[in-house]
Structure formats: structure tokens, C-alpha cells
Amino acid sequence: MPEKLLYVDDDARRREVMEERLRQLGYRVVTASNGTDALVTFEAEDFDLAILDYYMPGMCGDLVAMQMKSKKPNIPVIIFSGTFTLSEMVVAFVDGFISTSDEPDTLMDKIAEVLAPRRSQRAG
């Protein structure tokens, strides 16, 4: 069964583009446009990975990631942002970070890297 990803981004165009790209790569994708909706969806469904925009209105990605990790610590979380660095606190509890200025393939590579251990566990 294809891996299921939660992709959270307040930028509608980028969300649509990334959803399509991830689907083309064989992932099942659920999207949310803000942190509050993302948390509701995350709690209600099973995911293999959550991908979060850092800067969103209402609740930034770091707060969303902390709440996700407190509820389901085994689900990896990747944060992407237009800034080039995140605080050490945020880096300590997320499983990956990329800059939005990176090429889209960088996100795809990071997804594969973060999901690799989960894939190995399933195979074993």
C-alpha cells in the first residue's frame, strides 16, 4: 500500500502543485491549509509522514509539529520554510528541514530519506 502523507501549506498554489507531484510519485496525499485543520486530520487518520510549512497564519509549523509529536511520536515530521535556519529547539524534535528556496527534488529526497527507516521496519 502506498505511503500516506499529510502536506500542510497555506499557499494554495504550492499545495496543489506539491500534492500532484507527490501523487505522481505514488504517495497517497491528504492536504490541509492551516495548522488547526492539520492537527484535526492528523489525529483522525493514520499517516506515514507529515510535511509542514513553517510560516502559516494562526499556528506556525513548529507548534503544529510539537503537538503532532506529542500525540504520535513515531510519525516523522518535515518542516519547510523560506528561512534558512530553524531554532535548535525545533530542529531537535522534527525529522527533517528544507528551505523553500531549494529545488522541489530536495523535498522528494528528504521524504525518501525520512521514510527509509519506516520502510525497513515494514520489510523486516
C-alpha atoms as a PDB file:
ATOM      1  CA  MET A   1       0.000   0.000   0.000  1.00  0.00           C
ATOM      2  CA  PRO A   2       1.400   3.451  -0.858  1.00  0.00           C
ATOM      3  CA  GLU A   3       2.617   5.613   1.985  1.00  0.00           C
ATOM      4  CA  LYS A   4       0.205   8.260   3.194  1.00  0.00           C
ATOM      5  CA  LEU A   5       1.445  11.819   3.625  1.00  0.00           C
ATOM      6  CA  LEU A   6      -0.105  14.876   5.238  1.00  0.00           C
ATOM      7  CA  TYR A   7       1.013  18.013   3.393  1.00  0.00           C
ATOM      8  CA  VAL A   8       0.244  21.319   5.149  1.00  0.00           C
ATOM      9  CA  ASP A   9       0.727  24.675   3.434  1.00  0.00           C
ATOM     10  CA  ASP A  10      -1.271  27.898   3.483  1.00  0.00           C
ATOM     11  CA  ASP A  11      -0.108  28.720  -0.070  1.00  0.00           C
ATOM     12  CA  ALA A  12      -2.897  27.168  -2.180  1.00  0.00           C
ATOM     13  CA  ARG A  13      -0.922  27.081  -5.432  1.00  0.00           C
ATOM     14  CA  ARG A  14       2.147  25.440  -3.900  1.00  0.00           C
ATOM     15  CA  ARG A  15      -0.109  22.988  -2.038  1.00  0.00           C
ATOM     16  CA  GLU A  16      -1.811  21.948  -5.295  1.00  0.00           C
ATOM     17  CA  VAL A  17       1.472  21.598  -7.171  1.00  0.00           C
ATOM     18  CA  MET A  18       3.109  19.558  -4.424  1.00  0.00           C
ATOM     19  CA  GLU A  19       0.051  17.369  -3.949  1.00  0.00           C
ATOM     20  CA  GLU A  20       0.076  16.490  -7.642  1.00  0.00           C
ATOM     21  CA  ARG A  21       3.825  15.858  -7.661  1.00  0.00           C
ATOM     22  CA  LEU A  22       3.648  13.604  -4.606  1.00  0.00           C
ATOM     23  CA  ARG A  23       0.736  11.663  -6.102  1.00  0.00           C
ATOM     24  CA  GLN A  24       2.724  11.168  -9.318  1.00  0.00           C
ATOM     25  CA  LEU A  25       5.479   9.639  -7.182  1.00  0.00           C
ATOM     26  CA  GLY A  26       2.984   7.134  -5.811  1.00  0.00           C
ATOM     27  CA  TYR A  27       2.140   8.612  -2.419  1.00  0.00           C
ATOM     28  CA  ARG A  28      -1.374   8.962  -1.044  1.00  0.00           C
ATOM     29  CA  VAL A  29      -1.692  12.631  -0.088  1.00  0.00           C
ATOM     30  CA  VAL A  30      -4.018  14.477   2.246  1.00  0.00           C
ATOM     31  CA  THR A  31      -3.664  18.249   2.455  1.00  0.00           C
ATOM     32  CA  ALA A  32      -4.510  20.967   4.940  1.00  0.00           C
ATOM     33  CA  SER A  33      -4.246  24.727   4.595  1.00  0.00           C
ATOM     34  CA  ASN A  34      -3.541  25.582   8.238  1.00  0.00           C
ATOM     35  CA  GLY A  35      -2.223  24.127  11.462  1.00  0.00           C
ATOM     36  CA  THR A  36      -5.574  23.696  13.185  1.00  0.00           C
ATOM     37  CA  ASP A  37      -7.042  21.653  10.323  1.00  0.00           C
ATOM     38  CA  ALA A  38      -3.794  19.698  10.069  1.00  0.00           C
ATOM     39  CA  LEU A  39      -3.967  18.650  13.719  1.00  0.00           C
ATOM     40  CA  VAL A  40      -7.582  17.511  13.416  1.00  0.00           C
ATOM     41  CA  THR A  41      -6.740  15.466  10.324  1.00  0.00           C
ATOM     42  CA  PHE A  42      -3.530  14.100  11.864  1.00  0.00           C
ATOM     43  CA  GLU A  43      -5.390  12.834  14.915  1.00  0.00           C
ATOM     44  CA  ALA A  44      -8.235  11.322  12.895  1.00  0.00           C
ATOM     45  CA  GLU A  45      -6.175   9.429  10.316  1.00  0.00           C
ATOM     46  CA  ASP A  46      -3.013   7.340  10.120  1.00  0.00           C
ATOM     47  CA  PHE A  47      -0.076   8.859   8.263  1.00  0.00           C
ATOM     48  CA  ASP A  48       3.435   7.771   7.430  1.00  0.00           C
ATOM     49  CA  LEU A  49       4.762  11.346   7.351  1.00  0.00           C
ATOM     50  CA  ALA A  50       3.666  14.948   7.906  1.00  0.00           C
ATOM     51  CA  ILE A  51       5.166  17.806   5.879  1.00  0.00           C
ATOM     52  CA  LEU A  52       4.571  21.270   7.299  1.00  0.00           C
ATOM     53  CA  ASP A  53       5.096  24.828   6.164  1.00  0.00           C
ATOM     54  CA  TYR A  54       6.766  26.758   8.975  1.00  0.00           C
ATOM     55  CA  TYR A  55       5.068  30.121   8.430  1.00  0.00           C
ATOM     56  CA  MET A  56       1.296  29.843   8.465  1.00  0.00           C
ATOM     57  CA  PRO A  57      -1.357  32.177   9.872  1.00  0.00           C
ATOM     58  CA  GLY A  58      -2.711  31.245  13.271  1.00  0.00           C
ATOM     59  CA  MET A  59      -0.321  28.462  14.199  1.00  0.00           C
ATOM     60  CA  CYS A  60       3.225  28.124  12.865  1.00  0.00           C
ATOM     61  CA  GLY A  61       4.628  24.789  11.805  1.00  0.00           C
ATOM     62  CA  ASP A  62       6.812  24.404  14.890  1.00  0.00           C
ATOM     63  CA  LEU A  63       3.776  24.428  17.189  1.00  0.00           C
ATOM     64  CA  VAL A  64       1.926  22.049  14.896  1.00  0.00           C
ATOM     65  CA  ALA A  65       4.935  19.718  14.815  1.00  0.00           C
ATOM     66  CA  MET A  66       5.264  19.744  18.612  1.00  0.00           C
ATOM     67  CA  GLN A  67       1.614  18.811  19.029  1.00  0.00           C
ATOM     68  CA  MET A  68       1.849  16.104  16.377  1.00  0.00           C
ATOM     69  CA  LYS A  69       4.934  14.613  18.015  1.00  0.00           C
ATOM     70  CA  SER A  70       3.285  14.673  21.440  1.00  0.00           C
ATOM     71  CA  LYS A  71       0.312  12.694  20.098  1.00  0.00           C
ATOM     72  CA  LYS A  72       2.077  10.341  17.669  1.00  0.00           C
ATOM     73  CA  PRO A  73       5.837  10.462  18.331  1.00  0.00           C
ATOM     74  CA  ASN A  74       6.660   7.737  15.816  1.00  0.00           C
ATOM     75  CA  ILE A  75       5.293   9.676  12.836  1.00  0.00           C
ATOM     76  CA  PRO A  76       8.096  11.670  11.211  1.00  0.00           C
ATOM     77  CA  VAL A  77       7.632  15.377  10.554  1.00  0.00           C
ATOM     78  CA  ILE A  78       9.435  17.517   7.982  1.00  0.00           C
ATOM     79  CA  ILE A  79       9.241  21.314   8.138  1.00  0.00           C
ATOM     80  CA  PHE A  80       9.910  23.559   5.167  1.00  0.00           C
ATOM     81  CA  SER A  81      10.448  27.287   5.363  1.00  0.00           C
ATOM     82  CA  GLY A  82      11.644  30.304   3.458  1.00  0.00           C
ATOM     83  CA  THR A  83      14.149  30.934   6.236  1.00  0.00           C
ATOM     84  CA  PHE A  84      17.455  29.135   6.043  1.00  0.00           C
ATOM     85  CA  THR A  85      17.611  28.028   9.660  1.00  0.00           C
ATOM     86  CA  LEU A  86      15.318  26.914  12.434  1.00  0.00           C
ATOM     87  CA  SER A  87      15.863  27.258  16.154  1.00  0.00           C
ATOM     88  CA  GLU A  88      17.733  24.411  17.822  1.00  0.00           C
ATOM     89  CA  MET A  89      14.568  23.571  19.759  1.00  0.00           C
ATOM     90  CA  VAL A  90      12.595  22.998  16.551  1.00  0.00           C
ATOM     91  CA  VAL A  91      15.406  21.054  14.893  1.00  0.00           C
ATOM     92  CA  ALA A  92      15.572  18.782  17.957  1.00  0.00           C
ATOM     93  CA  PHE A  93      12.077  17.363  17.530  1.00  0.00           C
ATOM     94  CA  VAL A  94      11.484  17.363  13.762  1.00  0.00           C
ATOM     95  CA  ASP A  95      12.843  14.699  11.455  1.00  0.00           C
ATOM     96  CA  GLY A  96      13.874  16.974   8.632  1.00  0.00           C
ATOM     97  CA  PHE A  97      14.058  20.558   7.442  1.00  0.00           C
ATOM     98  CA  ILE A  98      14.345  22.039   3.976  1.00  0.00           C
ATOM     99  CA  SER A  99      14.252  25.560   2.636  1.00  0.00           C
ATOM    100  CA  THR A 100      11.550  26.537   0.168  1.00  0.00           C
ATOM    101  CA  SER A 101      14.330  28.033  -1.932  1.00  0.00           C
ATOM    102  CA  ASP A 102      15.658  24.506  -2.535  1.00  0.00           C
ATOM    103  CA  GLU A 103      14.657  22.659  -5.660  1.00  0.00           C
ATOM    104  CA  PRO A 104      11.449  20.585  -5.350  1.00  0.00           C
ATOM    105  CA  ASP A 105      13.564  17.446  -5.756  1.00  0.00           C
ATOM    106  CA  THR A 106      15.222  18.315  -2.434  1.00  0.00           C
ATOM    107  CA  LEU A 107      11.900  17.761  -0.688  1.00  0.00           C
ATOM    108  CA  MET A 108      11.382  14.490  -2.540  1.00  0.00           C
ATOM    109  CA  ASP A 109      14.859  13.333  -1.485  1.00  0.00           C
ATOM    110  CA  LYS A 110      14.201  14.344   2.136  1.00  0.00           C
ATOM    111  CA  ILE A 111      10.880  12.447   2.113  1.00  0.00           C
ATOM    112  CA  ALA A 112      12.618   9.299   0.860  1.00  0.00           C
ATOM    113  CA  GLU A 113      15.375   9.708   3.463  1.00  0.00           C
ATOM    114  CA  VAL A 114      12.951  10.189   6.354  1.00  0.00           C
ATOM    115  CA  LEU A 115      10.693   7.312   5.269  1.00  0.00           C
ATOM    116  CA  ALA A 116      13.578   4.866   4.716  1.00  0.00           C
ATOM    117  CA  PRO A 117      13.653   3.560   8.323  1.00  0.00           C
ATOM    118  CA  ARG A 118       9.871   3.031   8.318  1.00  0.00           C
ATOM    119  CA  ARG A 119      10.156   1.126   5.053  1.00  0.00           C
ATOM    120  CA  SER A 120      12.884  -1.081   6.535  1.00  0.00           C
ATOM    121  CA  GLN A 121      10.738  -1.835   9.589  1.00  0.00           C
ATOM    122  CA  ARG A 122       7.835  -2.889   7.387  1.00  0.00           C
ATOM    123  CA  ALA A 123      10.048  -5.104   5.232  1.00  0.00           C
ATOM    124  CA  GLY A 124      11.608  -6.800   8.269  1.00  0.00           C
END
